[in-house]
Amino acid sequence: MALNLDKNLKLYYSISEVAKMFDVNESTLRYWEKEIPALKPKTSGPSLIRQYSEKDIEVVKAIYNLVKVRGFKIAAAKKILAANRKGVDKTAEALERLIAIRDELQLMKQHVDEMYV
């Protein structure tokens, strides 16, 4: 059996790593944990160090999309996530794809502009 190098081998991420992924403060993540029941990272050790799984990061992504991108208050985001989690995930995924397409188009435009300078 060949080694799959494309697969993400990391099972858990620290709170600082997740905060950097989303460009938010660690305190913001802790606040979201208190307010959103779906976000419950694993804790370990006597100091209760948070360990975020891929599933937890997907929840953070959904919260980030609702609160930071779309401008909802945390109470509204909590209700939306509770009522329609799959819909929120699909919306976040579509937004990610659109941003990637926009970035690619901007890069293509830059290359075309460089050709005619």
N, C-alpha and C. Protein backbone atom coordinates (compact mmCIF):
# COMPACT_ATOMS: atom_id res chain seq x y z
N MET A 1 0.85 -1.18 0.00
CA MET A 1 0.00 0.00 0.00
C MET A 1 0.89 1.23 0.00
N ALA A 2 0.64 2.16 -0.91
CA ALA A 2 1.45 3.37 -1.04
C ALA A 2 1.04 4.40 0.00
N LEU A 3 1.98 5.21 0.41
CA LEU A 3 1.74 6.28 1.36
C LEU A 3 1.01 7.43 0.66
N ASN A 4 -0.08 7.86 1.23
CA ASN A 4 -0.86 8.95 0.64
C ASN A 4 -0.33 10.27 1.21
N LEU A 5 0.46 10.98 0.42
CA LEU A 5 1.06 12.23 0.87
C LEU A 5 0.09 13.40 0.82
N ASP A 6 -1.00 13.27 0.09
CA ASP A 6 -1.96 14.36 -0.03
C ASP A 6 -2.86 14.47 1.18
N LYS A 7 -3.01 13.40 1.91
CA LYS A 7 -3.92 13.38 3.05
C LYS A 7 -3.33 14.18 4.20
N ASN A 8 -4.19 14.98 4.83
CA ASN A 8 -3.76 15.76 5.99
C ASN A 8 -3.59 14.81 7.17
N LEU A 9 -2.38 14.71 7.68
CA LEU A 9 -2.08 13.75 8.73
C LEU A 9 -2.30 14.31 10.12
N LYS A 10 -2.52 15.61 10.25
CA LYS A 10 -2.70 16.21 11.55
C LYS A 10 -4.13 16.01 12.02
N LEU A 11 -4.31 15.43 13.21
CA LEU A 11 -5.65 15.15 13.73
C LEU A 11 -6.22 16.32 14.50
N TYR A 12 -5.36 17.05 15.23
CA TYR A 12 -5.84 18.14 16.07
C TYR A 12 -4.97 19.38 15.88
N TYR A 13 -5.61 20.53 16.05
CA TYR A 13 -4.94 21.82 15.94
C TYR A 13 -5.12 22.58 17.25
N SER A 14 -4.13 23.35 17.62
CA SER A 14 -4.22 24.15 18.85
C SER A 14 -5.09 25.37 18.59
N ILE A 15 -5.50 26.03 19.66
CA ILE A 15 -6.34 27.21 19.52
C ILE A 15 -5.58 28.32 18.79
N SER A 16 -4.27 28.42 19.00
CA SER A 16 -3.50 29.46 18.31
C SER A 16 -3.42 29.18 16.81
N GLU A 17 -3.31 27.90 16.43
CA GLU A 17 -3.29 27.56 15.00
C GLU A 17 -4.63 27.90 14.34
N VAL A 18 -5.72 27.58 15.02
CA VAL A 18 -7.05 27.86 14.46
C VAL A 18 -7.27 29.37 14.39
N ALA A 19 -6.84 30.09 15.41
CA ALA A 19 -6.97 31.55 15.41
C ALA A 19 -6.22 32.15 14.22
N LYS A 20 -5.04 31.64 13.92
CA LYS A 20 -4.27 32.13 12.77
C LYS A 20 -4.96 31.80 11.45
N MET A 21 -5.57 30.61 11.37
CA MET A 21 -6.27 30.20 10.14
C MET A 21 -7.34 31.21 9.76
N PHE A 22 -8.04 31.73 10.77
CA PHE A 22 -9.18 32.60 10.52
C PHE A 22 -8.88 34.07 10.84
N ASP A 23 -7.66 34.36 11.24
CA ASP A 23 -7.25 35.72 11.57
C ASP A 23 -8.17 36.34 12.63
N VAL A 24 -8.39 35.58 13.70
CA VAL A 24 -9.18 36.06 14.84
C VAL A 24 -8.35 35.83 16.11
N ASN A 25 -8.77 36.47 17.19
CA ASN A 25 -8.10 36.27 18.47
C ASN A 25 -8.52 34.95 19.09
N GLU A 26 -7.66 34.40 19.92
CA GLU A 26 -8.00 33.18 20.65
C GLU A 26 -9.21 33.42 21.55
N SER A 27 -9.31 34.63 22.10
CA SER A 27 -10.45 34.95 22.96
C SER A 27 -11.76 34.91 22.18
N THR A 28 -11.71 35.25 20.90
CA THR A 28 -12.90 35.17 20.04
C THR A 28 -13.35 33.73 19.92
N LEU A 29 -12.40 32.82 19.71
CA LEU A 29 -12.74 31.40 19.61
C LEU A 29 -13.32 30.88 20.92
N ARG A 30 -12.75 31.29 22.04
CA ARG A 30 -13.27 30.86 23.34
C ARG A 30 -14.70 31.39 23.54
N TYR A 31 -14.94 32.62 23.12
CA TYR A 31 -16.29 33.20 23.23
C TYR A 31 -17.27 32.42 22.37
N TRP A 32 -16.88 32.11 21.13
CA TRP A 32 -17.75 31.33 20.25
C TRP A 32 -18.06 29.97 20.87
N GLU A 33 -17.09 29.36 21.53
CA GLU A 33 -17.32 28.06 22.19
C GLU A 33 -18.41 28.18 23.25
N LYS A 34 -18.38 29.28 24.00
CA LYS A 34 -19.39 29.48 25.05
C LYS A 34 -20.77 29.70 24.45
N GLU A 35 -20.85 30.38 23.32
CA GLU A 35 -22.12 30.79 22.74
C GLU A 35 -22.73 29.78 21.78
N ILE A 36 -21.91 29.02 21.09
CA ILE A 36 -22.39 28.10 20.05
C ILE A 36 -22.19 26.66 20.52
N PRO A 37 -23.28 25.96 20.83
CA PRO A 37 -23.16 24.59 21.33
C PRO A 37 -22.48 23.62 20.36
N ALA A 38 -22.54 23.88 19.07
CA ALA A 38 -21.95 22.96 18.09
C ALA A 38 -20.43 22.99 18.14
N LEU A 39 -19.84 24.03 18.71
CA LEU A 39 -18.38 24.15 18.77
C LEU A 39 -17.89 23.70 20.13
N LYS A 40 -17.38 22.48 20.19
CA LYS A 40 -16.86 21.92 21.43
C LYS A 40 -15.57 21.15 21.14
N PRO A 41 -14.44 21.88 21.07
CA PRO A 41 -13.19 21.16 20.83
C PRO A 41 -12.82 20.28 22.03
N LYS A 42 -12.05 19.27 21.74
CA LYS A 42 -11.58 18.36 22.78
C LYS A 42 -10.61 19.13 23.69
N THR A 43 -10.67 18.84 24.98
CA THR A 43 -9.72 19.44 25.92
C THR A 43 -8.92 18.33 26.58
N SER A 44 -7.66 18.63 26.88
CA SER A 44 -6.82 17.61 27.50
C SER A 44 -5.88 18.24 28.51
N GLY A 45 -5.41 17.43 29.41
CA GLY A 45 -4.45 17.86 30.40
C GLY A 45 -5.09 18.65 31.52
N PRO A 46 -4.32 18.89 32.57
CA PRO A 46 -4.86 19.62 33.72
C PRO A 46 -5.20 21.07 33.39
N SER A 47 -4.55 21.65 32.39
CA SER A 47 -4.84 23.04 32.01
C SER A 47 -5.90 23.13 30.91
N LEU A 48 -6.53 22.01 30.57
CA LEU A 48 -7.61 21.94 29.58
C LEU A 48 -7.23 22.61 28.25
N ILE A 49 -6.14 22.12 27.68
CA ILE A 49 -5.68 22.64 26.39
C ILE A 49 -6.65 22.19 25.30
N ARG A 50 -7.10 23.16 24.50
CA ARG A 50 -8.07 22.86 23.45
C ARG A 50 -7.39 22.20 22.26
N GLN A 51 -8.08 21.20 21.70
CA GLN A 51 -7.60 20.50 20.51
C GLN A 51 -8.74 20.48 19.50
N TYR A 52 -8.58 21.22 18.42
CA TYR A 52 -9.62 21.34 17.40
C TYR A 52 -9.43 20.28 16.32
N SER A 53 -10.48 19.51 16.07
CA SER A 53 -10.46 18.52 14.99
C SER A 53 -10.90 19.21 13.69
N GLU A 54 -10.84 18.47 12.58
CA GLU A 54 -11.31 19.01 11.30
C GLU A 54 -12.79 19.39 11.39
N LYS A 55 -13.58 18.59 12.11
CA LYS A 55 -15.00 18.88 12.29
C LYS A 55 -15.18 20.20 13.04
N ASP A 56 -14.39 20.41 14.08
CA ASP A 56 -14.46 21.66 14.84
C ASP A 56 -14.09 22.85 13.95
N ILE A 57 -13.11 22.65 13.10
CA ILE A 57 -12.68 23.74 12.21
C ILE A 57 -13.77 24.06 11.20
N GLU A 58 -14.52 23.06 10.76
CA GLU A 58 -15.66 23.31 9.87
C GLU A 58 -16.72 24.16 10.58
N VAL A 59 -16.95 23.89 11.86
CA VAL A 59 -17.91 24.69 12.64
C VAL A 59 -17.39 26.12 12.77
N VAL A 60 -16.11 26.28 13.06
CA VAL A 60 -15.51 27.62 13.16
C VAL A 60 -15.66 28.35 11.82
N LYS A 61 -15.45 27.63 10.73
CA LYS A 61 -15.59 28.23 9.41
C LYS A 61 -17.01 28.74 9.18
N ALA A 62 -17.99 27.96 9.60
CA ALA A 62 -19.39 28.36 9.46
C ALA A 62 -19.70 29.58 10.32
N ILE A 63 -19.21 29.59 11.56
CA ILE A 63 -19.43 30.73 12.45
C ILE A 63 -18.74 31.96 11.88
N TYR A 64 -17.52 31.80 11.42
CA TYR A 64 -16.76 32.92 10.84
C TYR A 64 -17.52 33.51 9.65
N ASN A 65 -18.03 32.64 8.79
CA ASN A 65 -18.78 33.09 7.62
C ASN A 65 -20.00 33.91 8.04
N LEU A 66 -20.73 33.43 9.03
CA LEU A 66 -21.93 34.13 9.46
C LEU A 66 -21.61 35.45 10.18
N VAL A 67 -20.64 35.42 11.06
CA VAL A 67 -20.37 36.58 11.92
C VAL A 67 -19.45 37.60 11.24
N LYS A 68 -18.33 37.15 10.74
CA LYS A 68 -17.33 38.08 10.21
C LYS A 68 -17.58 38.46 8.75
N VAL A 69 -18.03 37.51 7.94
CA VAL A 69 -18.22 37.79 6.51
C VAL A 69 -19.59 38.40 6.24
N ARG A 70 -20.63 37.76 6.78
CA ARG A 70 -22.00 38.19 6.49
C ARG A 70 -22.54 39.19 7.49
N GLY A 71 -21.86 39.39 8.62
CA GLY A 71 -22.22 40.45 9.56
C GLY A 71 -23.34 40.14 10.54
N PHE A 72 -23.65 38.86 10.75
CA PHE A 72 -24.68 38.51 11.71
C PHE A 72 -24.15 38.68 13.13
N LYS A 73 -25.04 38.97 14.06
CA LYS A 73 -24.70 38.96 15.49
C LYS A 73 -24.56 37.50 15.90
N ILE A 74 -23.86 37.26 17.00
CA ILE A 74 -23.61 35.89 17.44
C ILE A 74 -24.92 35.16 17.78
N ALA A 75 -25.90 35.87 18.33
CA ALA A 75 -27.19 35.24 18.65
C ALA A 75 -27.89 34.76 17.38
N ALA A 76 -27.84 35.57 16.33
CA ALA A 76 -28.45 35.18 15.06
C ALA A 76 -27.69 34.01 14.44
N ALA A 77 -26.37 34.05 14.51
CA ALA A 77 -25.56 32.94 13.98
C ALA A 77 -25.89 31.64 14.71
N LYS A 78 -26.08 31.74 16.02
CA LYS A 78 -26.43 30.56 16.83
C LYS A 78 -27.75 29.96 16.36
N LYS A 79 -28.75 30.81 16.11
CA LYS A 79 -30.05 30.33 15.64
C LYS A 79 -29.95 29.72 14.25
N ILE A 80 -29.21 30.38 13.38
CA ILE A 80 -29.06 29.89 12.01
C ILE A 80 -28.37 28.53 12.00
N LEU A 81 -27.31 28.40 12.78
CA LEU A 81 -26.59 27.13 12.85
C LEU A 81 -27.47 26.01 13.42
N ALA A 82 -28.26 26.35 14.42
CA ALA A 82 -29.13 25.34 15.03
C ALA A 82 -30.22 24.90 14.06
N ALA A 83 -30.73 25.84 13.26
CA ALA A 83 -31.86 25.54 12.37
C ALA A 83 -31.42 24.90 11.06
N ASN A 84 -30.28 25.33 10.52
CA ASN A 84 -29.94 24.92 9.16
C ASN A 84 -28.44 24.79 8.99
N ARG A 85 -27.83 23.88 9.69
CA ARG A 85 -26.38 23.72 9.63
C ARG A 85 -25.89 23.34 8.24
N LYS A 86 -26.58 22.43 7.57
CA LYS A 86 -26.14 22.00 6.24
C LYS A 86 -26.19 23.15 5.24
N GLY A 87 -27.24 23.96 5.33
CA GLY A 87 -27.36 25.11 4.44
C GLY A 87 -26.24 26.12 4.66
N VAL A 88 -25.87 26.32 5.92
CA VAL A 88 -24.78 27.24 6.25
C VAL A 88 -23.47 26.71 5.69
N ASP A 89 -23.24 25.40 5.84
CA ASP A 89 -22.02 24.80 5.32
C ASP A 89 -21.93 24.96 3.81
N LYS A 90 -23.04 24.75 3.12
CA LYS A 90 -23.04 24.88 1.66
C LYS A 90 -22.79 26.32 1.24
N THR A 91 -23.37 27.27 1.97
CA THR A 91 -23.17 28.68 1.67
C THR A 91 -21.70 29.06 1.87
N ALA A 92 -21.11 28.60 2.96
CA ALA A 92 -19.71 28.89 3.23
C ALA A 92 -18.82 28.28 2.15
N GLU A 93 -19.14 27.07 1.73
CA GLU A 93 -18.37 26.40 0.68
C GLU A 93 -18.48 27.15 -0.64
N ALA A 94 -19.68 27.61 -0.97
CA ALA A 94 -19.88 28.37 -2.20
C ALA A 94 -19.10 29.69 -2.15
N LEU A 95 -19.12 30.34 -1.00
CA LEU A 95 -18.39 31.59 -0.85
C LEU A 95 -16.90 31.36 -1.02
N GLU A 96 -16.38 30.29 -0.45
CA GLU A 96 -14.96 29.95 -0.61
C GLU A 96 -14.61 29.76 -2.08
N ARG A 97 -15.46 29.04 -2.79
CA ARG A 97 -15.21 28.80 -4.21
C ARG A 97 -15.22 30.10 -5.00
N LEU A 98 -16.19 30.96 -4.70
CA LEU A 98 -16.27 32.25 -5.40
C LEU A 98 -15.05 33.13 -5.13
N ILE A 99 -14.57 33.13 -3.90
CA ILE A 99 -13.37 33.90 -3.57
C ILE A 99 -12.17 33.35 -4.31
N ALA A 100 -12.04 32.03 -4.39
CA ALA A 100 -10.93 31.42 -5.12
C ALA A 100 -11.00 31.76 -6.61
N ILE A 101 -12.21 31.73 -7.17
CA ILE A 101 -12.39 32.08 -8.59
C ILE A 101 -12.03 33.54 -8.82
N ARG A 102 -12.50 34.42 -7.90
CA ARG A 102 -12.17 35.84 -8.03
C ARG A 102 -10.66 36.05 -8.01
N ASP A 103 -9.97 35.40 -7.07
CA ASP A 103 -8.52 35.54 -6.96
C ASP A 103 -7.83 35.05 -8.23
N GLU A 104 -8.31 33.95 -8.77
CA GLU A 104 -7.72 33.41 -10.00
C GLU A 104 -7.95 34.36 -11.18
N LEU A 105 -9.15 34.92 -11.27
CA LEU A 105 -9.43 35.88 -12.34
C LEU A 105 -8.58 37.14 -12.21
N GLN A 106 -8.37 37.60 -11.00
CA GLN A 106 -7.53 38.78 -10.80
C GLN A 106 -6.09 38.49 -11.23
N LEU A 107 -5.61 37.30 -10.94
CA LEU A 107 -4.27 36.91 -11.35
C LEU A 107 -4.17 36.83 -12.87
N MET A 108 -5.20 36.27 -13.50
CA MET A 108 -5.22 36.19 -14.97
C MET A 108 -5.22 37.59 -15.59
N LYS A 109 -6.00 38.48 -15.02
CA LYS A 109 -6.06 39.86 -15.52
C LYS A 109 -4.70 40.52 -15.38
N GLN A 110 -4.04 40.28 -14.27
CA GLN A 110 -2.71 40.84 -14.04
C GLN A 110 -1.74 40.35 -15.11
N HIS A 111 -1.79 39.06 -15.44
CA HIS A 111 -0.91 38.50 -16.46
C HIS A 111 -1.22 39.09 -17.83
N VAL A 112 -2.49 39.27 -18.14
CA VAL A 112 -2.88 39.86 -19.43
C VAL A 112 -2.40 41.31 -19.49
N ASP A 113 -2.58 42.05 -18.42
CA ASP A 113 -2.15 43.45 -18.38
C ASP A 113 -0.64 43.55 -18.57
N GLU A 114 0.11 42.61 -17.99
CA GLU A 114 1.57 42.61 -18.12
C GLU A 114 1.99 42.33 -19.55
N MET A 115 1.19 41.56 -20.28
CA MET A 115 1.52 41.23 -21.66
C MET A 115 1.44 42.46 -22.56
N TYR A 116 0.55 43.39 -22.22
CA TYR A 116 0.31 44.55 -23.09
C TYR A 116 0.97 45.81 -22.58
N VAL A 117 1.88 45.70 -21.65
CA VAL A 117 2.59 46.89 -21.15
C VAL A 117 3.88 47.06 -21.88
